Protein backbone atom coordinates (compact mmCIF):
# COMPACT_ATOMS: atom_id res chain seq x y z
CA UNK A 1 30.67 -37.93 -14.94
CA UNK A 2 33.46 -38.28 -12.35
CA UNK A 3 32.86 -38.39 -8.56
CA UNK A 4 35.81 -40.36 -7.89
CA UNK A 5 37.90 -41.84 -5.09
CA UNK A 6 40.62 -39.83 -3.76
CA UNK A 7 40.90 -38.02 -7.25
CA UNK A 8 37.27 -37.40 -7.29
CA UNK A 9 33.47 -36.36 -9.68
CA UNK A 10 30.13 -36.68 -11.34
CA UNK A 11 32.32 -38.24 -11.11
CA UNK A 12 34.31 -35.65 -9.92
CA UNK A 13 34.43 -33.70 -7.57
CA UNK A 14 36.61 -31.46 -6.74
CA UNK A 15 35.41 -31.20 -3.22
CA UNK A 16 35.77 -34.95 -2.66
CA UNK A 17 39.38 -34.31 -2.79
CA UNK A 18 39.44 -33.27 0.88
CA UNK A 19 38.35 -36.73 1.81
CA UNK A 20 41.08 -39.25 1.88
CA UNK A 21 39.27 -41.96 -0.09
CA UNK A 22 35.81 -40.99 -1.76
CA UNK A 23 33.13 -42.30 -3.41
CA UNK A 24 29.96 -41.44 -4.85
CA UNK A 25 26.59 -41.97 -4.98
CA UNK A 26 24.43 -40.90 -7.77
CA UNK A 27 20.98 -40.93 -6.37
CA UNK A 28 19.62 -38.37 -8.86
CA UNK A 29 16.40 -36.50 -9.74
CA UNK A 30 15.51 -37.19 -13.43
CA UNK A 31 13.59 -34.67 -15.53
CA UNK A 32 12.51 -34.91 -19.38
CA UNK A 33 11.57 -31.57 -20.94
CA UNK A 34 8.77 -32.50 -23.37
CA UNK A 35 9.06 -30.64 -26.69
CA UNK A 36 5.22 -30.30 -26.78
CA UNK A 37 4.99 -28.39 -23.60
CA UNK A 38 7.92 -26.16 -24.10
CA UNK A 39 8.23 -25.86 -27.85
CA UNK A 40 11.92 -26.92 -27.76
CA UNK A 41 13.28 -29.09 -30.56
CA UNK A 42 12.73 -32.93 -29.90
CA UNK A 43 15.78 -35.08 -29.38
CA UNK A 44 15.57 -36.48 -32.86
CA UNK A 45 15.76 -32.80 -34.36
CA UNK A 46 18.63 -31.97 -31.87
CA UNK A 47 20.69 -35.21 -32.58
CA UNK A 48 24.22 -34.17 -34.12
CA UNK A 49 27.45 -35.30 -34.27
CA UNK A 50 29.51 -35.69 -31.06
CA UNK A 51 31.74 -32.80 -30.39
CA UNK A 52 35.41 -33.53 -29.89
CA UNK A 53 37.23 -33.32 -26.82
CA UNK A 54 38.93 -30.30 -27.88
CA UNK A 55 35.74 -28.78 -28.78
CA UNK A 56 34.38 -29.76 -25.33
CA UNK A 57 37.40 -28.01 -23.73
CA UNK A 58 36.75 -24.74 -25.43
CA UNK A 59 33.14 -24.69 -23.79
CA UNK A 60 34.23 -25.17 -20.30
CA UNK A 61 34.03 -22.40 -17.88
CA UNK A 62 37.32 -20.59 -17.06
CA UNK A 63 38.56 -18.10 -14.30
CA UNK A 64 37.05 -15.08 -16.34
CA UNK A 65 33.74 -16.89 -16.41
CA UNK A 66 33.75 -17.56 -12.70
CA UNK A 67 35.05 -14.56 -11.50
CA UNK A 68 37.45 -13.10 -8.82
CA UNK A 69 38.69 -15.59 -6.25
CA UNK A 70 38.72 -18.84 -8.49
CA UNK A 71 41.92 -20.76 -9.15
CA UNK A 72 42.57 -23.75 -11.24
CA UNK A 73 43.15 -27.01 -9.49
CA UNK A 74 45.93 -29.22 -10.78
CA UNK A 75 44.76 -32.60 -11.96
CA UNK A 76 45.93 -35.22 -9.56
CA UNK A 77 47.43 -38.56 -11.15
CA UNK A 78 44.66 -41.31 -11.62
CA UNK A 79 44.77 -43.57 -8.83
CA UNK A 80 43.43 -47.35 -9.03
CA UNK A 81 42.65 -48.68 -5.75
CA UNK A 82 40.55 -51.78 -5.39
CA UNK A 83 36.99 -50.64 -4.61
CA UNK A 84 34.27 -52.44 -2.71
CA UNK A 85 30.70 -51.47 -2.44
CA UNK A 86 28.86 -52.67 0.71
CA UNK A 87 25.05 -52.02 1.10
CA UNK A 88 24.46 -51.57 -2.72
CA UNK A 89 24.38 -54.46 -4.62
CA UNK A 90 23.22 -52.58 -7.83
CA UNK A 91 25.91 -50.01 -7.72
CA UNK A 92 28.61 -52.67 -6.84
CA UNK A 93 27.37 -54.58 -10.18
CA UNK A 94 28.39 -51.77 -12.25
CA UNK A 95 32.04 -51.99 -11.07
CA UNK A 96 34.51 -49.76 -9.35
CA UNK A 97 34.38 -46.69 -11.65
CA UNK A 98 30.68 -46.12 -11.21
CA UNK A 99 30.88 -46.86 -7.70
CA UNK A 100 33.33 -44.11 -7.04
CA UNK A 101 31.88 -41.71 -9.65
CA UNK A 102 34.46 -42.52 -12.16
CA UNK A 103 34.18 -41.45 -15.71
CA UNK A 104 31.55 -42.09 -17.94
CA UNK A 105 32.01 -44.70 -20.86
CA UNK A 106 31.75 -41.60 -23.48
CA UNK A 107 34.40 -41.08 -26.08
CA UNK A 108 34.43 -37.18 -25.91
CA UNK A 109 35.12 -35.47 -22.47
CA UNK A 110 36.63 -32.45 -20.92
CA UNK A 111 37.19 -31.47 -17.28
CA UNK A 112 38.13 -28.37 -15.26
CA UNK A 113 38.37 -28.02 -11.32
CA UNK A 114 38.71 -25.01 -9.29
CA UNK A 115 39.32 -23.83 -5.79
CA UNK A 116 37.40 -20.94 -4.44
CA UNK A 117 38.68 -18.05 -2.02
CA UNK A 118 41.71 -19.99 -0.84
CA UNK A 119 39.38 -22.12 1.31
CA UNK A 120 38.24 -25.84 0.75
CA UNK A 121 35.45 -24.72 -1.34
CA UNK A 122 35.74 -26.37 -4.89
CA UNK A 123 33.76 -26.70 -8.21
CA UNK A 124 34.33 -29.41 -10.81
CA UNK A 125 32.81 -29.22 -14.45
CA UNK A 126 33.01 -31.95 -16.83
CA UNK A 127 31.45 -32.02 -20.44
CA UNK A 128 30.60 -35.18 -22.28
CA UNK A 129 29.40 -35.64 -25.78
CA UNK A 130 28.10 -38.52 -27.63
CA UNK A 131 24.63 -39.56 -29.27
CA UNK A 132 21.38 -38.64 -27.55
CA UNK A 133 20.58 -42.34 -26.95
CA UNK A 134 24.07 -43.18 -25.41
CA UNK A 135 24.23 -40.18 -23.27
CA UNK A 136 20.67 -40.84 -21.88
CA UNK A 137 21.11 -44.40 -21.38
CA UNK A 138 24.59 -44.49 -20.03
CA UNK A 139 23.92 -41.45 -17.45
CA UNK A 140 20.46 -43.00 -16.59
CA UNK A 141 21.83 -46.47 -15.98
CA UNK A 142 24.13 -45.28 -13.35
CA UNK A 143 21.69 -42.70 -11.67
CA UNK A 144 19.05 -45.48 -11.59
CA UNK A 145 21.26 -48.15 -10.02
CA UNK A 146 21.89 -45.71 -7.06
CA UNK A 147 18.29 -44.64 -6.62
CA UNK A 148 17.67 -47.19 -4.46
CA UNK A 149 20.72 -46.99 -2.06
CA UNK A 150 20.43 -43.69 -0.05
CA UNK A 151 23.13 -45.13 2.35
CA UNK A 152 26.06 -47.43 1.71
CA UNK A 153 29.66 -47.65 2.21
CA UNK A 154 32.59 -47.60 -0.12
CA UNK A 155 36.05 -49.25 0.89
CA UNK A 156 38.83 -47.77 -1.23
CA UNK A 157 42.29 -48.72 -0.79
CA UNK A 158 41.62 -50.09 2.35
CA UNK A 159 39.76 -47.08 3.55
CA UNK A 160 36.05 -47.02 4.52
CA UNK A 161 33.98 -44.11 3.44
CA UNK A 162 30.17 -43.84 4.56
CA UNK A 163 27.90 -42.22 2.08
CA UNK A 164 24.54 -40.95 2.07
CA UNK A 165 22.67 -39.15 -0.73
CA UNK A 166 19.39 -37.12 -1.36
CA UNK A 167 17.62 -36.66 -4.38
CA UNK A 168 17.08 -32.95 -5.27
CA UNK A 169 14.48 -31.40 -7.67
CA UNK A 170 15.36 -31.16 -11.22
CA UNK A 171 17.29 -27.73 -11.76
CA UNK A 172 15.66 -24.91 -13.67
CA UNK A 173 18.68 -24.30 -15.97
CA UNK A 174 17.00 -26.03 -18.91
CA UNK A 175 18.03 -28.91 -21.29
CA UNK A 176 16.42 -32.10 -22.03
CA UNK A 177 17.17 -34.30 -19.07
CA UNK A 178 18.29 -33.52 -15.69
CA UNK A 179 19.70 -35.28 -12.61
CA UNK A 180 20.61 -33.57 -9.34
CA UNK A 181 21.70 -35.02 -5.82
CA UNK A 182 23.20 -34.14 -2.45
CA UNK A 183 26.07 -36.52 -1.57
CA UNK A 184 27.70 -36.70 1.94
CA UNK A 185 31.02 -38.75 2.47
CA UNK A 186 32.35 -39.33 6.12
CA UNK A 187 35.71 -40.78 6.33
CA UNK A 188 38.26 -40.56 9.23
CA UNK A 189 35.71 -38.51 11.23
CA UNK A 190 35.55 -35.74 8.60
CA UNK A 191 32.27 -35.00 6.74
CA UNK A 192 32.13 -33.74 3.24
CA UNK A 193 28.95 -32.53 1.18
CA UNK A 194 28.72 -32.18 -2.39
CA UNK A 195 26.14 -31.23 -4.70
CA UNK A 196 26.11 -32.74 -8.23
CA UNK A 197 23.88 -31.92 -10.89
CA UNK A 198 23.76 -33.32 -14.47
CA UNK A 199 22.15 -31.90 -17.76
CA UNK A 200 21.75 -33.44 -20.93
CA UNK A 201 21.05 -31.09 -23.82
CA UNK A 202 20.95 -32.98 -27.02
CA UNK A 203 24.31 -34.49 -27.68
CA UNK A 204 26.11 -32.80 -24.95
CA UNK A 205 26.13 -33.84 -21.14
CA UNK A 206 27.22 -31.37 -18.39
CA UNK A 207 27.99 -32.57 -14.86
CA UNK A 208 28.69 -29.55 -12.44
CA UNK A 209 29.93 -30.87 -8.91
CA UNK A 210 31.02 -29.27 -5.64
CA UNK A 211 30.11 -27.05 -2.73
CA UNK A 212 26.35 -26.59 -3.13
CA UNK A 213 26.52 -22.83 -3.19
CA UNK A 214 28.64 -22.86 -5.88
CA UNK A 215 26.99 -25.35 -7.95
CA UNK A 216 23.67 -23.18 -7.76
CA UNK A 217 25.66 -19.92 -8.52
CA UNK A 218 27.29 -21.33 -11.97
CA UNK A 219 24.94 -23.88 -13.26
CA UNK A 220 23.17 -21.54 -15.53
CA UNK A 221 26.30 -19.90 -16.82
CA UNK A 222 28.16 -23.29 -17.29
CA UNK A 223 24.83 -24.61 -19.43
CA UNK A 224 24.86 -21.49 -21.42
CA UNK A 225 28.47 -21.59 -22.50
CA UNK A 226 28.59 -25.53 -22.80
CA UNK A 227 25.51 -25.36 -25.33
CA UNK A 228 26.39 -21.91 -27.10
CA UNK A 229 26.46 -22.82 -31.01
CA UNK A 230 29.05 -19.78 -31.82
């Protein structure tokens, strides 16, 4: 997931691009779906070969899926500013990428960013694929590190950003594991609120981030397309 500094994301996040230098906290709500309770296949039964980045790309939402008013947002060049986390030792230990919501360390990924209605509203989708264990452990490790840090500061490229996070209930979209949080970034007197929801379904991880209303509107659709077998 990417909610990055200045380039955004779940890691991410398109909406964060409005902030001069942003980081992200992943204080998430984790939810496991019990196969005995839901009748769904267990993780072992759903384990499959990782999808290639090209295959993931075809499962991303596009303008037709989103509807009128959405425009693709050009990718910005990656920036590599020095990042310091103040007030969250566990997050600082994970390194700059994690502290700023940088890309997760999974070999297969795809990402798309969109703006809406010519306004500052944005939405970002990321897909990752790896083994069930690696997706679960890798995502959980970062979210867990941030659970104990509801407020901290990130200094990226000399710019301080105050970050607060709020756990949100697990989304109802389905999947085997879920995390969700509301992030607030304050820099230069400007405040940006971003919702980020991550859902693992078998060997695939979906991360949707951006304006809260847009994330809520498209989450079910994104998960359905990402996990479609045909």
